[in-house]
Amino acid sequence: MTELSVKARLVKQARPECSGGKPSDGSDVQYTRFAQAPNGRSTWCCRGILLCILIAQGVLSLRLSNTAFEDEALYLYAGHLNLDHLLSNAPYHEEFTKYFSGSPLLYPVFAALIDSVCGLAGARAFSLAAMLGATALLYLQSRRLFDMRAALYAAAIFSVSQSTLTLGNLATYDATVIFLLALATWIVVRSADSRRPLFCLCAAPVLALAVAVKYAALMYLPVVFLIAGLIVFQHRGRRLSILHGLLLPAATGSILFFALQAASASYVQGLKRTTTEREQGSASLIDLLSCSAVWGGLTVALALIGVILYTREGLREECMSRPIFKNSALLCRLVLSLTLTSAAILAPLYQMYLHTETSLHKHIGYGLLFAAPVAGVAVSRLTGARFRYPFFGISVLVCLLVMGVSQSQARFDSWPDSSGLVKFLKPSLKKNGHYLLENRWPITYYFRKDAEPQQWISTNYFIYADHGGVSHRDDDAYEKAIRDRYFDVVVLTHTTTKVRSEKITQLLKTSNAYRTIGYNSRHGALLDKTYQIWVRR
C-alpha cells in the first residue's frame, strides 16, 4: 500500500463528515463536508469569538452618552419615591401604577437602589450587563437549536442592532425584559435533553417576572410556549410535548393570575392603559413600516432566507454537540423557523394597529432576539462550507454594524442634553418656586433632593387655582397662571406637546411679565436641539 493511500485512509477515518458517516458517539446526526464534528478546540475557539462579540457590544454601547432620557428619569425618580416608601414609610405614590408599562415596585426600585450608590452610570451599567447576558444566552440556545457557526452569527447580528446598542446604555425596563425572555427561552431549549423534562417549568416564573417588569412581554409568551412544545415533541415524543404544552402556559398563567389578584386595581388600569387598551396615535402606516424596516428589516430578511434554507435542508449540513432536532420533519422545521422569525414583526404590527411610534425603536429588539438565530442560519449557509464565500458574511455583518452604530448614535442625540439647563436652574431654585417644563422628568430627577415634586409642572396637564380660589384646567390654566406671574421659569422644547407649547409661547410673548433667553443644548450634534427659556422679570 502506497504512502498516499495510507494518508487518504487516515483522513477518511478521522473525518466522517467527508464520507457521510455518523459520528463516533452514535448520534443520529450525519456530518457532511459543510461542517466538522465539534471538538474541544472548536468549542473553545467559538467561546473566544463570543467573548470578542460581547466586548465589542459593550464598547459600542458605552460609547453612547447623553444626560438622562425622559423615560430613564421618570423610572428612576419613581423608584426613589417608592424606595423611600419601603424604607422609611414615606407616602406611596400609587399614580405611577396607573400609567407605567410595568410594575413600579420592580425595576424602578431596583434601578433606584443602584442609582443611589453608583448614579445614572450604574443604572445604565446594569442594563448593559442584561443585554450582554441576553447575547450570551442567545448564543447558547442557538447552538443547541442549530449549530455553532449559526450561533456565532446570531450573536453577532443581535449584538450590533440598534435596539441592542441603545438599550445597553439606557436605564429602562427593556434590557431586563429582553434578558428574562432570553433566559426563559434558554431554559426550555436546555430542558429538552435533560433527564428531568419538567425542568422546563422553571421558565414559568421567569416569564411571569418578565411580564411583571414590562407588560409588553405578554406578546412573546406564545412564542416561548410554542418553542417549548416543538422541542419536546422532537426530543421526547408527542405525549410529553402535550404535557409541556399545557403545563408551561398553565404555570405561567397561574403565577400571573395570583399576582394580579394580589395587586391593586390601579395595576389593572395601568395594564389596560399602556398595553391592552392603549390609545390610538396619529402616526402613518408608511412611517411605521419605514422605521421598522430601517431598524430591523435586514435581520428579518435574513431570517426569511434562513426559514427557506433550514426548512429545505434541515440538519443534514449542520453539526451540533447535542442535537435536539435530530431527524426532524420538514413541517416541524418550518414551524420552528417561522415561529422564531414571526416574533420580529409582532411589535411593529401591533404599533401599526395603534398608529403609534412610541418606543418602537426599543420594542423591535424583543423580536430580534428570536429572529437572530434563524438569520444566523442564513448567513452561515450562504457563507458556504469552510467559509467558501466569506465576502457574504463579512459584508452582511459590516452593513449591520454600520447601521446599528449610526442609528444608536442618532437615537442618543435625539433628546436635549440637560446638563447646561441644570446649571442654569440650580442658582434660581426657590423653596416656593414654580417651574413649567415641557420635559420635566429629567430636571425632576436631577433636582429630586433640592425641590419638591409639585414645584415642577408639565405642559401635558395642569390645574391652577387663581387668587380667587377658582380652579382652571388645560389651556385656560396655563393662560391664567402666566397672567398671574405664577411661574418663575418656563422651559419649552416644542417636541412632545407642540401645539400647547406654541400657545404658551404666544401667551409669554404678549405678557410683559416674562423675558426670553435662548439656550442651545447640543452644539455640533447630529440632531441639534434648543431650549426656549423664559424667566419672570
Protein backbone atom coordinates (compact mmCIF):
# COMPACT_ATOMS: atom_id res chain seq x y z
CA MET A 1 0.00 0.00 0.00
CA THR A 2 1.43 3.33 -1.02
CA GLU A 3 2.05 6.16 1.40
CA LEU A 4 -0.55 8.30 -0.37
CA SER A 5 -3.32 5.73 0.06
CA VAL A 6 -2.47 5.32 3.76
CA LYS A 7 -2.83 9.06 4.29
CA ALA A 8 -6.14 9.08 2.43
CA ARG A 9 -7.49 6.28 4.64
CA LEU A 10 -6.40 8.11 7.82
CA VAL A 11 -8.09 11.31 6.67
CA LYS A 12 -11.28 9.43 5.82
CA GLN A 13 -11.35 7.77 9.25
CA ALA A 14 -10.64 10.99 11.09
CA ARG A 15 -13.27 12.99 9.18
CA PRO A 16 -16.55 11.10 8.89
CA GLU A 17 -18.18 14.25 7.54
CA CYS A 18 -16.42 13.74 4.22
CA SER A 19 -17.82 10.27 3.72
CA GLY A 20 -21.26 10.92 5.10
CA GLY A 21 -20.65 8.64 8.10
CA LYS A 22 -22.07 9.01 11.56
CA PRO A 23 -20.13 10.44 14.48
CA SER A 24 -18.48 8.05 16.88
CA ASP A 25 -20.85 8.87 19.75
CA GLY A 26 -23.66 7.02 17.98
CA SER A 27 -25.93 10.03 17.50
CA ASP A 28 -28.21 10.28 14.50
CA VAL A 29 -26.72 13.48 13.11
CA GLN A 30 -24.95 12.95 9.81
CA TYR A 31 -22.00 15.28 9.34
CA THR A 32 -21.21 16.43 5.83
CA ARG A 33 -18.47 18.44 4.28
CA PHE A 34 -20.31 21.62 5.26
CA ALA A 35 -19.18 21.42 8.90
CA GLN A 36 -16.77 19.49 11.01
CA ALA A 37 -17.75 17.46 14.02
CA PRO A 38 -17.43 19.56 17.20
CA ASN A 39 -14.36 19.08 19.33
CA GLY A 40 -12.66 20.77 22.26
CA ARG A 41 -10.61 23.10 20.09
CA SER A 42 -13.60 24.35 18.07
CA THR A 43 -15.65 24.81 21.24
CA TRP A 44 -13.02 27.00 22.88
CA CYS A 45 -12.50 28.87 19.62
CA CYS A 46 -16.22 29.68 19.48
CA ARG A 47 -16.16 30.82 23.09
CA GLY A 48 -13.28 33.12 22.30
CA ILE A 49 -15.16 34.61 19.34
CA LEU A 50 -18.24 35.03 21.53
CA LEU A 51 -16.14 36.88 24.10
CA CYS A 52 -14.91 39.23 21.37
CA ILE A 53 -18.51 39.83 20.27
CA LEU A 54 -19.53 40.68 23.84
CA ILE A 55 -16.58 43.03 24.30
CA ALA A 56 -17.42 44.82 21.03
CA GLN A 57 -21.07 45.10 22.07
CA GLY A 58 -20.09 46.59 25.42
CA VAL A 59 -17.73 49.12 23.86
CA LEU A 60 -20.26 50.19 21.24
CA SER A 61 -22.94 50.70 23.89
CA LEU A 62 -20.69 52.55 26.32
CA ARG A 63 -19.58 55.00 23.64
CA LEU A 64 -23.11 56.47 23.66
CA SER A 65 -23.56 59.36 26.05
CA ASN A 66 -26.17 61.93 26.96
CA THR A 67 -27.95 63.13 30.07
CA ALA A 68 -30.96 61.23 31.40
CA PHE A 69 -33.63 60.39 28.84
CA GLU A 70 -37.19 61.29 29.85
CA ASP A 71 -38.16 57.63 30.45
CA GLU A 72 -34.98 56.97 32.42
CA ALA A 73 -35.56 59.99 34.64
CA LEU A 74 -39.21 59.04 35.22
CA TYR A 75 -38.45 55.43 36.19
CA LEU A 76 -35.54 56.35 38.44
CA TYR A 77 -37.44 59.17 40.12
CA ALA A 78 -40.46 56.91 40.72
CA GLY A 79 -38.10 54.24 42.02
CA HIS A 80 -36.60 56.66 44.54
CA LEU A 81 -40.06 57.65 45.78
CA ASN A 82 -41.12 54.02 46.17
CA LEU A 83 -37.78 53.13 47.74
CA ASP A 84 -38.33 55.86 50.34
CA HIS A 85 -41.79 54.37 50.95
CA LEU A 86 -40.35 50.90 51.52
CA LEU A 87 -37.50 52.05 53.75
CA SER A 88 -38.97 54.95 55.72
CA ASN A 89 -42.77 54.67 55.41
CA ALA A 90 -42.92 57.73 53.14
CA PRO A 91 -46.22 58.25 51.26
CA TYR A 92 -46.79 55.72 48.49
CA HIS A 93 -47.33 57.28 45.07
CA GLU A 94 -49.93 54.98 43.55
CA GLU A 95 -50.43 57.17 40.47
CA PHE A 96 -47.38 55.57 38.85
CA THR A 97 -49.16 52.22 38.66
CA LYS A 98 -51.90 53.84 36.56
CA TYR A 99 -49.71 54.77 33.62
CA PHE A 100 -46.48 52.77 33.96
CA SER A 101 -45.96 49.99 31.42
CA GLY A 102 -44.66 47.72 34.19
CA SER A 103 -44.79 47.39 37.95
CA PRO A 104 -43.20 50.49 39.58
CA LEU A 105 -42.14 48.30 42.52
CA LEU A 106 -39.84 46.06 40.49
CA TYR A 107 -37.36 47.56 38.02
CA PRO A 108 -37.73 51.23 39.12
CA VAL A 109 -36.99 50.38 42.75
CA PHE A 110 -34.04 48.14 41.86
CA ALA A 111 -32.64 50.73 39.45
CA ALA A 112 -33.10 53.49 42.02
CA LEU A 113 -31.19 51.40 44.54
CA ILE A 114 -28.28 51.14 42.10
CA ASP A 115 -28.63 54.84 41.28
CA SER A 116 -28.32 55.71 44.97
CA VAL A 117 -24.90 54.05 45.07
CA CYS A 118 -23.48 54.44 41.56
CA GLY A 119 -25.60 57.15 39.96
CA LEU A 120 -27.11 57.07 36.47
CA ALA A 121 -23.99 55.37 35.10
CA GLY A 122 -24.53 52.46 37.47
CA ALA A 123 -28.17 52.03 36.45
CA ARG A 124 -27.12 52.07 32.80
CA ALA A 125 -24.34 49.57 33.52
CA PHE A 126 -26.99 47.16 34.86
CA SER A 127 -28.82 47.43 31.52
CA LEU A 128 -25.56 46.71 29.71
CA ALA A 129 -25.00 43.61 31.82
CA ALA A 130 -28.54 42.44 31.00
CA MET A 131 -28.03 42.92 27.25
CA LEU A 132 -24.66 41.14 27.34
CA GLY A 133 -26.32 38.28 29.20
CA ALA A 134 -29.08 38.15 26.58
CA THR A 135 -26.49 37.89 23.79
CA ALA A 136 -24.66 35.08 25.59
CA LEU A 137 -27.92 33.17 26.20
CA LEU A 138 -28.88 33.71 22.57
CA TYR A 139 -25.64 32.01 21.53
CA LEU A 140 -26.24 29.07 23.88
CA GLN A 141 -29.78 28.40 22.69
CA SER A 142 -28.87 28.88 19.01
CA ARG A 143 -26.02 26.40 19.36
CA ARG A 144 -28.46 23.77 20.59
CA LEU A 145 -31.16 24.54 18.06
CA PHE A 146 -28.81 24.83 15.08
CA ASP A 147 -25.01 24.78 15.20
CA MET A 148 -22.03 26.73 16.49
CA ARG A 149 -21.48 28.77 13.35
CA ALA A 150 -25.11 29.84 13.18
CA ALA A 151 -24.99 30.64 16.90
CA LEU A 152 -21.97 32.92 16.45
CA TYR A 153 -23.60 34.71 13.53
CA ALA A 154 -26.82 35.06 15.54
CA ALA A 155 -24.95 36.60 18.48
CA ALA A 156 -23.09 38.98 16.17
CA ILE A 157 -26.28 40.04 14.37
CA PHE A 158 -28.14 40.70 17.61
CA SER A 159 -25.21 42.43 19.32
CA VAL A 160 -24.85 45.21 16.73
CA SER A 161 -28.53 46.01 16.19
CA GLN A 162 -29.77 49.48 17.02
CA SER A 163 -32.03 48.25 19.82
CA THR A 164 -29.29 46.21 21.49
CA LEU A 165 -26.73 49.03 21.46
CA THR A 166 -29.25 51.64 22.59
CA LEU A 167 -30.83 49.58 25.36
CA GLY A 168 -27.39 48.56 26.61
CA ASN A 169 -26.84 52.14 27.82
CA LEU A 170 -30.38 53.11 28.78
CA ALA A 171 -31.81 52.65 32.28
CA THR A 172 -35.27 51.41 31.26
CA TYR A 173 -37.31 48.23 31.65
CA ASP A 174 -36.43 46.84 28.26
CA ALA A 175 -32.94 45.42 28.80
CA THR A 176 -34.12 43.47 31.85
CA VAL A 177 -37.13 42.08 30.00
CA ILE A 178 -35.06 41.01 27.00
CA PHE A 179 -32.66 39.20 29.33
CA LEU A 180 -35.56 37.42 31.08
CA LEU A 181 -37.07 36.35 27.74
CA ALA A 182 -33.66 35.06 26.63
CA LEU A 183 -33.26 33.19 29.92
CA ALA A 184 -36.71 31.59 29.67
CA THR A 185 -36.06 30.53 26.07
CA TRP A 186 -32.71 29.03 27.02
CA ILE A 187 -34.37 27.08 29.86
CA VAL A 188 -36.94 25.48 27.55
CA VAL A 189 -34.24 24.66 24.97
CA ARG A 190 -31.85 23.31 27.59
CA SER A 191 -34.53 21.19 29.25
CA ALA A 192 -35.16 19.19 26.06
CA ASP A 193 -32.27 16.80 26.68
CA SER A 194 -32.43 16.98 30.45
CA ARG A 195 -33.08 13.83 32.45
CA ARG A 196 -35.80 15.78 34.22
CA PRO A 197 -38.11 17.03 31.47
CA LEU A 198 -40.22 19.04 33.92
CA PHE A 199 -37.19 21.28 34.31
CA CYS A 200 -38.92 23.25 31.55
CA LEU A 201 -41.36 24.57 34.16
CA CYS A 202 -38.55 26.64 35.65
CA ALA A 203 -39.21 29.03 32.78
CA ALA A 204 -42.67 29.84 34.15
CA PRO A 205 -41.59 32.19 37.00
CA VAL A 206 -39.04 33.80 34.68
CA LEU A 207 -41.73 34.55 32.09
CA ALA A 208 -44.11 35.82 34.77
CA LEU A 209 -41.41 38.11 36.11
CA ALA A 210 -40.74 39.43 32.60
CA VAL A 211 -44.43 40.32 32.22
CA ALA A 212 -44.49 41.98 35.63
CA VAL A 213 -41.41 44.05 34.77
CA LYS A 214 -42.99 45.18 31.49
CA TYR A 215 -46.44 44.20 30.31
CA ALA A 216 -45.40 44.16 26.65
CA ALA A 217 -43.63 40.84 27.30
CA LEU A 218 -47.09 39.22 27.16
CA MET A 219 -46.83 39.40 23.38
CA TYR A 220 -43.90 36.98 23.32
CA LEU A 221 -45.16 34.32 25.73
CA PRO A 222 -46.85 32.28 22.96
CA VAL A 223 -43.55 32.24 21.06
CA VAL A 224 -41.73 30.68 24.02
CA PHE A 225 -44.58 28.23 24.64
CA LEU A 226 -44.55 27.05 21.02
CA ILE A 227 -40.77 26.66 21.01
CA ALA A 228 -41.01 24.53 24.14
CA GLY A 229 -43.70 22.29 22.63
CA LEU A 230 -41.82 21.78 19.36
CA ILE A 231 -38.54 20.91 21.05
CA VAL A 232 -40.14 18.44 23.44
CA PHE A 233 -42.11 16.87 20.58
CA GLN A 234 -38.90 16.22 18.65
CA HIS A 235 -36.87 15.03 21.62
CA ARG A 236 -39.39 13.34 23.92
CA GLY A 237 -42.40 12.47 21.82
CA ARG A 238 -45.99 13.53 21.46
CA ARG A 239 -47.15 12.70 24.99
CA LEU A 240 -44.60 14.86 26.78
CA SER A 241 -44.99 17.63 24.21
CA ILE A 242 -48.70 17.84 25.01
CA LEU A 243 -47.85 17.79 28.72
CA HIS A 244 -45.39 20.64 28.32
CA GLY A 245 -47.73 22.49 26.01
CA LEU A 246 -50.31 22.54 28.79
CA LEU A 247 -48.19 22.78 31.93
CA LEU A 248 -45.87 25.65 30.99
CA PRO A 249 -48.65 28.07 29.94
CA ALA A 250 -50.77 26.93 32.90
CA ALA A 251 -47.94 27.52 35.37
CA THR A 252 -47.10 30.92 33.89
CA GLY A 253 -50.75 31.96 33.77
CA SER A 254 -51.34 30.84 37.35
CA ILE A 255 -48.44 32.92 38.64
CA LEU A 256 -49.66 35.97 36.73
CA PHE A 257 -53.25 35.43 37.88
CA PHE A 258 -52.38 35.27 41.57
CA ALA A 259 -50.02 38.24 41.22
CA LEU A 260 -52.78 40.28 39.59
CA GLN A 261 -55.24 39.27 42.32
CA ALA A 262 -52.80 40.44 44.97
CA ALA A 263 -52.18 43.76 43.19
CA SER A 264 -54.42 46.80 43.47
CA ALA A 265 -56.95 47.87 40.87
CA SER A 266 -54.58 50.58 39.66
CA TYR A 267 -52.31 47.87 38.20
CA VAL A 268 -55.16 46.65 36.02
CA GLN A 269 -55.76 50.22 34.95
CA GLY A 270 -52.09 50.62 34.06
CA LEU A 271 -52.08 47.34 32.12
CA LYS A 272 -55.07 48.44 30.05
CA ARG A 273 -53.82 51.99 29.52
CA THR A 274 -50.32 51.06 28.37
CA THR A 275 -50.81 47.66 26.68
CA THR A 276 -54.18 46.05 26.06
CA GLU A 277 -56.33 49.17 25.54
CA ARG A 278 -53.74 51.73 24.54
CA GLU A 279 -54.98 54.90 22.88
CA GLN A 280 -54.68 55.26 19.13
CA GLY A 281 -51.94 57.52 17.83
CA SER A 282 -51.60 59.55 14.67
CA ALA A 283 -48.51 58.01 13.03
CA SER A 284 -48.98 56.81 9.46
CA LEU A 285 -48.54 53.21 8.44
CA ILE A 286 -45.90 54.20 5.89
CA ASP A 287 -43.79 55.93 8.53
CA LEU A 288 -44.09 53.00 10.94
CA LEU A 289 -43.25 50.49 8.22
CA SER A 290 -40.26 52.58 7.17
CA CYS A 291 -38.93 52.84 10.73
CA SER A 292 -39.38 49.10 11.29
CA ALA A 293 -37.56 48.32 8.05
CA VAL A 294 -34.67 50.61 8.95
CA TRP A 295 -34.25 49.24 12.49
CA GLY A 296 -34.77 45.53 11.81
CA GLY A 297 -35.56 44.94 8.15
CA LEU A 298 -32.22 43.41 7.18
CA THR A 299 -32.31 40.93 10.07
CA VAL A 300 -35.87 39.90 9.21
CA ALA A 301 -34.94 39.48 5.54
CA LEU A 302 -32.04 37.23 6.50
CA ALA A 303 -34.33 35.27 8.80
CA LEU A 304 -36.80 34.67 5.96
CA ILE A 305 -33.94 33.31 3.85
CA GLY A 306 -32.98 31.17 6.82
CA VAL A 307 -36.52 29.78 7.00
CA ILE A 308 -36.28 28.58 3.40
CA LEU A 309 -32.80 27.10 3.73
CA TYR A 310 -33.40 25.44 7.10
CA THR A 311 -36.78 24.01 6.08
CA ARG A 312 -35.38 22.59 2.85
CA GLU A 313 -32.13 21.14 4.15
CA GLY A 314 -32.65 20.65 7.89
CA LEU A 315 -29.63 19.40 9.82
CA ARG A 316 -28.00 17.46 7.01
CA GLU A 317 -25.36 20.11 6.60
CA GLU A 318 -25.04 21.15 10.22
CA CYS A 319 -23.33 19.71 13.27
CA MET A 320 -24.26 20.02 16.91
CA SER A 321 -22.65 18.75 20.07
CA ARG A 322 -26.00 17.65 21.48
CA PRO A 323 -28.64 17.56 18.76
CA ILE A 324 -32.18 18.49 19.67
CA PHE A 325 -33.93 18.43 16.32
CA LYS A 326 -32.49 15.14 15.13
CA ASN A 327 -34.20 13.76 12.02
CA SER A 328 -36.87 16.44 12.36
CA ALA A 329 -39.73 16.53 9.87
CA LEU A 330 -39.97 19.26 7.29
CA LEU A 331 -43.18 20.63 8.82
CA CYS A 332 -41.62 20.82 12.26
CA ARG A 333 -38.59 22.68 10.92
CA LEU A 334 -40.87 25.07 9.08
CA VAL A 335 -42.99 25.79 12.16
CA LEU A 336 -39.95 26.35 14.38
CA SER A 337 -38.18 28.72 12.00
CA LEU A 338 -41.37 30.62 11.18
CA THR A 339 -42.20 30.95 14.88
CA LEU A 340 -38.81 32.47 15.62
CA THR A 341 -38.94 34.78 12.61
CA SER A 342 -42.53 35.95 13.10
CA ALA A 343 -41.66 37.19 16.60
CA ALA A 344 -39.74 40.04 14.95
CA ILE A 345 -42.87 41.53 13.39
CA LEU A 346 -45.17 41.33 16.42
CA ALA A 347 -44.24 44.72 17.88
CA PRO A 348 -44.28 46.57 14.52
CA LEU A 349 -47.67 45.08 13.61
CA TYR A 350 -49.16 45.99 16.99
CA GLN A 351 -47.88 49.55 16.82
CA MET A 352 -49.14 49.87 13.26
CA TYR A 353 -52.53 48.83 14.59
CA LEU A 354 -52.25 51.57 17.23
CA HIS A 355 -50.72 54.10 14.81
CA THR A 356 -48.03 54.99 17.35
CA GLU A 357 -44.25 55.16 17.07
CA THR A 358 -43.72 55.42 20.84
CA SER A 359 -40.84 53.15 21.95
CA LEU A 360 -40.89 51.21 18.66
CA HIS A 361 -37.10 51.52 18.45
CA LYS A 362 -36.92 49.63 21.76
CA HIS A 363 -39.73 47.11 21.26
CA ILE A 364 -38.36 45.92 17.94
CA GLY A 365 -35.37 44.49 19.83
CA TYR A 366 -37.62 41.98 21.60
CA GLY A 367 -38.45 40.25 18.33
CA LEU A 368 -34.89 40.41 17.00
CA LEU A 369 -33.88 38.25 19.98
CA PHE A 370 -35.92 35.40 18.46
CA ALA A 371 -35.28 36.10 14.76
CA ALA A 372 -31.50 36.39 15.09
CA PRO A 373 -30.88 32.58 15.30
CA VAL A 374 -32.67 31.95 12.00
CA ALA A 375 -30.84 34.91 10.44
CA GLY A 376 -27.63 33.30 11.70
CA VAL A 377 -28.55 30.10 9.88
CA ALA A 378 -28.99 32.07 6.65
CA VAL A 379 -25.60 33.79 6.93
CA SER A 380 -23.91 30.52 7.85
CA ARG A 381 -25.40 28.67 4.88
CA LEU A 382 -24.77 31.44 2.36
CA THR A 383 -21.19 31.85 3.55
CA GLY A 384 -20.70 28.24 2.48
CA ALA A 385 -18.78 25.24 3.72
CA ARG A 386 -15.45 26.19 5.31
CA PHE A 387 -16.23 29.87 4.63
CA ARG A 388 -16.17 29.32 0.89
CA TYR A 389 -17.83 32.71 0.30
CA PRO A 390 -16.52 34.85 3.19
CA PHE A 391 -17.39 38.09 1.42
CA PHE A 392 -21.10 37.50 2.02
CA GLY A 393 -20.80 37.01 5.77
CA ILE A 394 -18.36 39.89 6.18
CA SER A 395 -20.44 42.32 4.10
CA VAL A 396 -23.65 41.49 5.97
CA LEU A 397 -22.06 41.93 9.39
CA VAL A 398 -20.32 45.17 8.36
CA CYS A 399 -23.59 46.53 6.99
CA LEU A 400 -25.43 45.64 10.21
CA LEU A 401 -22.61 47.15 12.28
CA VAL A 402 -22.63 50.46 10.41
CA MET A 403 -26.40 50.70 10.62
CA GLY A 404 -26.51 49.82 14.31
CA VAL A 405 -23.75 52.27 15.26
CA SER A 406 -25.22 55.19 13.31
CA GLN A 407 -28.81 54.54 14.38
CA SER A 408 -27.95 54.16 18.07
CA GLN A 409 -25.90 57.36 17.99
CA ALA A 410 -28.77 59.23 16.33
CA ARG A 411 -31.12 57.86 18.98
CA PHE A 412 -28.94 59.19 21.81
CA ASP A 413 -28.70 62.56 20.06
CA SER A 414 -32.48 62.79 19.69
CA TRP A 415 -33.14 64.31 23.12
CA PRO A 416 -31.63 67.53 24.54
CA ASP A 417 -28.57 67.48 26.76
CA SER A 418 -29.93 68.92 30.01
CA SER A 419 -26.58 69.46 31.77
CA GLY A 420 -26.48 73.15 30.82
CA LEU A 421 -30.11 73.59 31.85
CA VAL A 422 -29.36 72.04 35.23
CA LYS A 423 -26.52 74.52 35.77
CA PHE A 424 -28.80 77.38 34.73
CA LEU A 425 -31.66 76.40 37.04
CA LYS A 426 -29.59 75.49 40.10
CA PRO A 427 -28.93 79.05 41.34
CA SER A 428 -32.52 80.13 40.58
CA LEU A 429 -34.25 77.42 42.60
CA LYS A 430 -36.54 78.76 45.30
CA LYS A 431 -38.26 76.88 48.08
CA ASN A 432 -41.72 78.01 46.94
CA GLY A 433 -40.90 78.50 43.26
CA HIS A 434 -42.86 77.04 40.36
CA TYR A 435 -41.26 75.87 37.12
CA LEU A 436 -43.06 74.97 33.88
CA LEU A 437 -41.16 72.40 31.82
CA GLU A 438 -42.18 70.65 28.62
CA ASN A 439 -39.95 67.67 29.54
CA ARG A 440 -39.98 67.87 33.30
CA TRP A 441 -38.80 64.42 34.33
CA PRO A 442 -35.05 64.84 33.65
CA ILE A 443 -34.97 68.05 35.70
CA THR A 444 -37.17 66.50 38.39
CA TYR A 445 -34.73 63.58 38.61
CA TYR A 446 -31.63 65.75 38.85
CA PHE A 447 -33.19 68.05 41.45
CA ARG A 448 -35.03 65.39 43.44
CA LYS A 449 -33.11 66.34 46.60
CA ASP A 450 -33.38 70.10 46.09
CA ALA A 451 -37.04 70.68 45.19
CA GLU A 452 -40.47 69.21 45.86
CA PRO A 453 -42.27 67.29 43.09
CA GLN A 454 -45.16 69.78 42.94
CA GLN A 455 -42.79 72.59 42.01
CA TRP A 456 -42.23 71.06 38.57
CA ILE A 457 -45.21 71.49 36.26
CA SER A 458 -45.68 69.75 32.92
CA THR A 459 -47.22 71.04 29.70
CA ASN A 460 -49.28 67.83 29.46
CA TYR A 461 -51.75 68.56 32.27
CA PHE A 462 -52.19 71.35 34.80
CA ILE A 463 -54.81 72.55 37.29
CA TYR A 464 -54.41 76.11 38.54
CA ALA A 465 -56.30 77.80 41.35
CA ASP A 466 -56.25 81.58 40.90
CA HIS A 467 -56.22 84.20 43.64
CA GLY A 468 -59.98 83.96 43.97
CA GLY A 469 -59.86 80.20 44.54
CA VAL A 470 -61.35 79.33 41.15
CA SER A 471 -59.82 76.22 39.52
CA HIS A 472 -58.77 76.26 35.87
CA ARG A 473 -57.73 73.33 33.65
CA ASP A 474 -55.71 72.73 30.50
CA ASP A 475 -55.11 75.76 28.25
CA ASP A 476 -57.12 78.08 30.48
CA ALA A 477 -54.97 77.09 33.46
CA TYR A 478 -51.71 77.99 31.68
CA GLU A 479 -53.16 81.31 30.48
CA LYS A 480 -54.34 82.33 33.98
CA ALA A 481 -51.06 81.24 35.58
CA ILE A 482 -48.96 83.26 33.13
CA ARG A 483 -51.11 86.36 33.68
CA ASP A 484 -50.71 85.95 37.44
CA ARG A 485 -46.91 85.55 37.06
CA TYR A 486 -47.18 82.13 38.74
CA PHE A 487 -44.17 80.53 37.01
CA ASP A 488 -40.64 81.55 37.93
CA VAL A 489 -39.12 79.87 34.86
CA VAL A 490 -40.69 78.37 31.71
CA VAL A 491 -38.67 75.90 29.60
CA LEU A 492 -40.05 74.73 26.24
CA THR A 493 -38.59 72.42 23.58
CA HIS A 494 -41.56 72.26 21.16
CA THR A 495 -41.22 68.48 20.82
CA THR A 496 -43.68 66.47 22.93
CA THR A 497 -46.57 68.98 23.17
CA LYS A 498 -46.01 71.14 20.10
CA VAL A 499 -49.48 72.68 19.86
CA ARG A 500 -49.70 73.63 23.52
CA SER A 501 -46.11 74.88 23.54
CA GLU A 502 -46.92 77.24 20.68
CA LYS A 503 -49.92 78.58 22.59
CA ILE A 504 -47.82 79.08 25.72
CA THR A 505 -45.14 80.84 23.67
CA GLN A 506 -47.70 83.27 22.27
CA LEU A 507 -49.01 83.98 25.78
CA LEU A 508 -45.49 84.65 27.03
CA LYS A 509 -44.75 86.97 24.12
CA THR A 510 -47.86 89.07 24.80
CA SER A 511 -47.12 89.19 28.52
CA ASN A 512 -44.83 91.86 29.93
CA ALA A 513 -44.02 89.70 32.94
CA TYR A 514 -41.54 87.37 31.18
CA ARG A 515 -38.44 87.71 29.05
CA THR A 516 -36.86 85.03 26.85
CA ILE A 517 -33.36 83.52 26.97
CA GLY A 518 -32.17 81.29 24.10
CA TYR A 519 -30.13 78.29 25.16
CA ASN A 520 -28.57 75.81 22.71
CA SER A 521 -28.07 72.38 24.29
CA ARG A 522 -26.28 70.28 21.64
CA HIS A 523 -23.56 72.21 19.81
CA GLY A 524 -22.28 70.18 16.88
CA ALA A 525 -24.67 67.26 17.46
CA LEU A 526 -26.35 65.33 14.67
CA LEU A 527 -29.77 66.50 15.84
CA ASP A 528 -29.43 69.98 17.28
CA LYS A 529 -31.96 70.82 19.99
CA THR A 530 -32.68 74.21 21.52
CA TYR A 531 -34.31 75.04 24.81
CA GLN A 532 -36.55 78.06 24.80
CA ILE A 533 -36.26 79.57 28.28
CA TRP A 534 -38.47 82.31 29.72
CA VAL A 535 -37.80 83.89 33.12
CA ARG A 536 -40.03 86.15 35.16
CA ARG A 537 -38.98 89.80 35.18
